[in-house]
């Protein structure tokens, strides 16, 4: 039978990205954390976490983490009726993309986390990647562009985020004097969130039916600064309608 105290230690090491931080959260020594992980690995007969910085779960470790998240969720459902009047806080780990976090997410859940005393543990990644956190057992849920539910989970359609290719009039006059085409777009400064962000490639493929070879790219992993660079004319790029476009 699985010892969930040991699996909790594994989950904490991965979530906190280290044995030392995990020991503080669990209020035990770092040596005790290591002993719990070693005991769990002995029981499973396999290495569950790499001793790297930060530590990473192995395939078997990820399966255990996924199982642990599901058990915690079921436990929460079971105990919900008896938690009325409970003053304790409860942590919710979620994967989310930066644009959702910068726009609609918090206003939509503000009342929920207040009423239910929820502590958020948000992990940011590209909207095409967040479901992988769920598969690895790193989070209990995610905001994702993936339509299919991860095994053991449920998927619900929340809505659509519309993105547009934007540039200021001054930027357009300088870099697209004859209009935006594939050649001019390849030479213009473009802002992209990170190297996983392929919205610009998707736009170019749909608009010009070709893969672009962008030569001047800003990589800016901040939705707020990303939008500001477009609004101030430093670059062009894909921006969601939910962010202010009044100056673009």
Protein backbone atom coordinates (compact mmCIF):
# COMPACT_ATOMS: atom_id res chain seq x y z
CA UNK A 1 0.00 0.00 0.00
CA UNK A 2 1.28 3.46 -0.88
CA UNK A 3 2.48 5.70 1.93
CA UNK A 4 1.12 9.13 1.05
CA UNK A 5 3.40 10.85 3.56
CA UNK A 6 6.30 9.72 1.39
CA UNK A 7 4.59 10.76 -1.85
CA UNK A 8 3.83 14.13 -0.28
CA UNK A 9 7.58 14.62 0.18
CA UNK A 10 8.17 13.79 -3.49
CA UNK A 11 5.45 16.22 -4.58
CA UNK A 12 6.89 18.95 -2.37
CA UNK A 13 10.42 18.50 -3.75
CA UNK A 14 9.13 18.90 -7.31
CA UNK A 15 6.74 21.76 -6.55
CA UNK A 16 9.29 23.71 -4.52
CA UNK A 17 12.13 22.89 -6.95
CA UNK A 18 14.48 21.63 -4.26
CA UNK A 19 14.99 19.48 -1.16
CA UNK A 20 15.84 22.45 1.07
CA UNK A 21 12.67 24.39 0.22
CA UNK A 22 10.60 21.23 0.54
CA UNK A 23 11.97 20.70 4.05
CA UNK A 24 10.79 24.17 5.08
CA UNK A 25 7.30 23.59 3.71
CA UNK A 26 7.02 20.18 5.39
CA UNK A 27 8.65 21.52 8.57
CA UNK A 28 11.17 18.69 8.71
CA UNK A 29 14.91 18.56 8.07
CA UNK A 30 16.36 18.28 4.58
CA UNK A 31 17.81 14.93 5.62
CA UNK A 32 14.33 13.72 6.57
CA UNK A 33 13.03 14.73 3.14
CA UNK A 34 15.84 12.78 1.47
CA UNK A 35 15.09 9.77 3.67
CA UNK A 36 11.41 9.82 2.71
CA UNK A 37 12.28 9.99 -0.98
CA UNK A 38 14.80 7.16 -0.60
CA UNK A 39 12.25 5.06 1.30
CA UNK A 40 9.65 5.64 -1.42
CA UNK A 41 12.17 4.73 -4.13
CA UNK A 42 13.03 1.53 -2.25
CA UNK A 43 9.33 0.64 -2.07
CA UNK A 44 8.82 1.34 -5.78
CA UNK A 45 12.10 -0.25 -6.83
CA UNK A 46 12.88 2.71 -9.09
CA UNK A 47 14.46 6.16 -9.04
CA UNK A 48 11.63 8.70 -8.77
CA UNK A 49 13.48 12.02 -8.88
CA UNK A 50 16.74 13.17 -10.44
CA UNK A 51 19.28 14.73 -8.10
CA UNK A 52 19.69 17.77 -10.34
CA UNK A 53 19.06 21.47 -9.81
CA UNK A 54 16.13 21.77 -9.93
CA UNK A 55 15.12 18.14 -9.25
CA UNK A 56 12.97 16.53 -11.94
CA UNK A 57 10.57 13.62 -11.58
CA UNK A 58 11.26 10.50 -13.62
CA UNK A 59 8.46 8.87 -15.62
CA UNK A 60 7.49 6.72 -12.65
CA UNK A 61 7.77 9.73 -10.37
CA UNK A 62 5.44 11.72 -12.63
CA UNK A 63 2.89 8.91 -12.54
CA UNK A 64 3.02 8.94 -8.74
CA UNK A 65 2.60 12.72 -8.67
CA UNK A 66 -0.39 12.52 -10.99
CA UNK A 67 -1.95 9.87 -8.76
CA UNK A 68 -1.24 11.98 -5.67
CA UNK A 69 -2.94 15.03 -7.22
CA UNK A 70 -6.01 12.95 -8.06
CA UNK A 71 -6.17 11.54 -4.53
CA UNK A 72 -5.88 15.05 -3.05
CA UNK A 73 -8.71 16.20 -5.31
CA UNK A 74 -10.94 13.28 -4.25
CA UNK A 75 -10.05 13.92 -0.63
CA UNK A 76 -11.09 17.54 -1.05
CA UNK A 77 -14.45 16.51 -2.50
CA UNK A 78 -14.99 14.03 0.33
CA UNK A 79 -14.14 16.49 3.10
CA UNK A 80 -15.89 19.51 1.60
CA UNK A 81 -19.17 18.93 3.52
CA UNK A 82 -17.33 18.83 6.86
CA UNK A 83 -15.12 21.83 6.16
CA UNK A 84 -17.84 24.39 6.76
CA UNK A 85 -16.47 26.80 9.31
CA UNK A 86 -12.92 25.53 8.71
CA UNK A 87 -10.50 28.48 8.80
CA UNK A 88 -7.61 26.60 7.17
CA UNK A 89 -6.32 27.64 3.76
CA UNK A 90 -6.08 25.11 0.92
CA UNK A 91 -3.55 25.33 -1.92
CA UNK A 92 -4.63 24.97 -5.56
CA UNK A 93 -1.82 24.32 -8.06
CA UNK A 94 -2.73 25.35 -11.61
CA UNK A 95 -0.99 25.66 -14.95
CA UNK A 96 -1.88 28.83 -16.86
CA UNK A 97 -0.66 30.85 -19.83
CA UNK A 98 0.65 34.37 -19.23
CA UNK A 99 -2.01 36.18 -21.29
CA UNK A 100 -4.87 34.58 -19.35
CA UNK A 101 -3.12 35.48 -16.10
CA UNK A 102 -2.68 39.09 -17.25
CA UNK A 103 -6.28 39.54 -18.37
CA UNK A 104 -9.38 37.57 -17.38
CA UNK A 105 -8.23 34.90 -14.92
CA UNK A 106 -8.00 36.64 -11.56
CA UNK A 107 -11.21 38.73 -11.85
CA UNK A 108 -13.11 35.53 -12.67
CA UNK A 109 -11.88 33.59 -9.61
CA UNK A 110 -11.41 36.38 -7.07
CA UNK A 111 -14.64 35.64 -5.22
CA UNK A 112 -14.04 31.89 -5.31
CA UNK A 113 -10.60 32.00 -3.70
CA UNK A 114 -11.83 34.45 -1.05
CA UNK A 115 -14.94 32.45 -0.15
CA UNK A 116 -13.11 29.11 -0.11
CA UNK A 117 -9.82 30.28 1.46
CA UNK A 118 -7.78 29.11 -1.51
CA UNK A 119 -4.05 29.76 -1.88
CA UNK A 120 -3.01 29.89 -5.54
CA UNK A 121 0.11 28.12 -6.78
CA UNK A 122 0.20 29.21 -10.42
CA UNK A 123 2.74 27.82 -12.88
CA UNK A 124 3.04 29.80 -16.12
CA UNK A 125 3.75 28.25 -19.51
CA UNK A 126 2.52 28.50 -23.09
CA UNK A 127 -1.16 27.65 -23.58
CA UNK A 128 -0.12 24.71 -25.77
CA UNK A 129 2.12 23.34 -23.00
CA UNK A 130 0.19 23.73 -19.73
CA UNK A 131 -1.63 20.40 -20.13
CA UNK A 132 1.75 18.68 -19.91
CA UNK A 133 2.06 19.92 -16.32
CA UNK A 134 -1.20 18.13 -15.61
CA UNK A 135 0.08 14.95 -17.26
CA UNK A 136 3.22 15.13 -15.12
CA UNK A 137 1.18 15.56 -11.95
CA UNK A 138 2.65 18.99 -11.20
CA UNK A 139 -0.74 20.73 -11.03
CA UNK A 140 -4.34 19.85 -10.22
CA UNK A 141 -5.76 21.69 -13.24
CA UNK A 142 -4.77 23.97 -16.09
CA UNK A 143 -5.90 26.58 -18.60
CA UNK A 144 -4.98 25.08 -21.96
CA UNK A 145 -5.64 25.20 -25.68
CA UNK A 146 -5.74 21.39 -25.65
CA UNK A 147 -9.31 20.20 -26.21
CA UNK A 148 -8.90 16.60 -25.04
CA UNK A 149 -8.96 15.83 -21.33
CA UNK A 150 -5.88 14.34 -19.72
CA UNK A 151 -6.58 10.79 -18.52
CA UNK A 152 -8.32 10.90 -15.16
CA UNK A 153 -9.36 14.53 -15.61
CA UNK A 154 -12.25 16.45 -17.14
CA UNK A 155 -12.12 19.21 -19.77
CA UNK A 156 -14.54 22.12 -20.08
CA UNK A 157 -14.65 24.87 -22.71
CA UNK A 158 -14.14 28.26 -21.03
CA UNK A 159 -14.11 30.51 -24.08
CA UNK A 160 -11.79 31.81 -26.77
CA UNK A 161 -9.03 34.40 -26.72
CA UNK A 162 -8.82 36.33 -29.99
CA UNK A 163 -5.34 37.46 -31.00
CA UNK A 164 -4.55 40.08 -33.63
CA UNK A 165 -1.35 41.08 -35.34
CA UNK A 166 -0.77 44.66 -34.19
CA UNK A 167 1.59 47.56 -34.78
CA UNK A 168 1.39 51.32 -34.21
CA UNK A 169 0.82 53.67 -37.18
CA UNK A 170 4.39 54.97 -36.85
CA UNK A 171 5.82 51.44 -36.80
CA UNK A 172 3.68 50.50 -39.80
CA UNK A 173 4.88 53.53 -41.76
CA UNK A 174 8.51 52.64 -41.06
CA UNK A 175 8.48 48.88 -41.60
CA UNK A 176 5.37 48.26 -43.71
CA UNK A 177 5.14 51.32 -46.00
CA UNK A 178 3.53 49.24 -48.76
CA UNK A 179 1.50 47.04 -46.42
CA UNK A 180 2.33 43.93 -44.42
CA UNK A 181 3.63 41.10 -46.57
CA UNK A 182 5.80 38.08 -45.92
CA UNK A 183 9.05 39.80 -46.91
CA UNK A 184 8.51 42.94 -44.83
CA UNK A 185 7.33 40.92 -41.83
CA UNK A 186 10.50 38.84 -41.86
CA UNK A 187 12.62 42.01 -41.52
CA UNK A 188 10.55 43.92 -38.94
CA UNK A 189 11.25 43.74 -35.18
CA UNK A 190 8.78 41.24 -33.72
CA UNK A 191 8.06 40.52 -30.05
CA UNK A 192 7.47 36.90 -29.04
CA UNK A 193 6.79 35.62 -25.53
CA UNK A 194 9.38 32.81 -25.58
CA UNK A 195 10.68 30.12 -27.89
CA UNK A 196 7.61 27.96 -27.28
CA UNK A 197 5.32 30.75 -28.52
CA UNK A 198 4.28 29.92 -32.08
CA UNK A 199 1.34 32.34 -32.50
CA UNK A 200 3.39 34.47 -34.89
CA UNK A 201 4.21 31.39 -36.96
CA UNK A 202 0.55 30.36 -37.00
CA UNK A 203 -0.47 33.83 -38.17
CA UNK A 204 2.15 33.88 -40.93
CA UNK A 205 1.19 30.40 -42.11
CA UNK A 206 -2.53 31.26 -42.26
CA UNK A 207 -1.95 34.65 -43.89
CA UNK A 208 0.90 33.88 -46.30
CA UNK A 209 0.88 30.06 -46.43
CA UNK A 210 4.57 29.84 -45.63
CA UNK A 211 6.87 29.43 -42.67
CA UNK A 212 8.56 32.66 -41.71
CA UNK A 213 12.25 33.19 -41.06
CA UNK A 214 12.04 36.11 -38.65
CA UNK A 215 15.39 37.84 -38.28
CA UNK A 216 14.71 40.49 -35.60
CA UNK A 217 13.00 38.98 -32.55
CA UNK A 218 12.50 40.27 -29.02
CA UNK A 219 11.86 37.42 -26.55
CA UNK A 220 9.85 38.97 -23.70
CA UNK A 221 8.20 36.53 -21.22
CA UNK A 222 5.93 39.17 -19.68
CA UNK A 223 2.44 39.86 -21.04
CA UNK A 224 2.47 43.42 -19.69
CA UNK A 225 5.86 44.41 -21.17
CA UNK A 226 5.02 42.44 -24.33
CA UNK A 227 1.94 44.60 -24.92
CA UNK A 228 3.79 47.78 -23.97
CA UNK A 229 6.48 47.14 -26.58
CA UNK A 230 3.79 46.95 -29.25
CA UNK A 231 1.88 49.97 -27.92
CA UNK A 232 5.04 52.12 -27.80
CA UNK A 233 6.13 51.12 -31.30
CA UNK A 234 9.20 49.08 -30.35
CA UNK A 235 7.91 45.98 -32.15
CA UNK A 236 4.93 44.35 -33.80
CA UNK A 237 3.31 41.15 -32.62
CA UNK A 238 0.28 39.10 -31.67
CA UNK A 239 -1.78 40.53 -28.82
CA UNK A 240 -5.12 39.42 -27.32
CA UNK A 241 -8.16 41.66 -27.69
CA UNK A 242 -8.60 41.57 -23.91
CA UNK A 243 -5.51 43.73 -23.50
CA UNK A 244 -5.80 47.43 -24.22
CA UNK A 245 -5.25 48.30 -27.87
CA UNK A 246 -6.33 51.93 -27.67
CA UNK A 247 -2.89 53.19 -28.70
CA UNK A 248 -2.14 50.58 -31.33
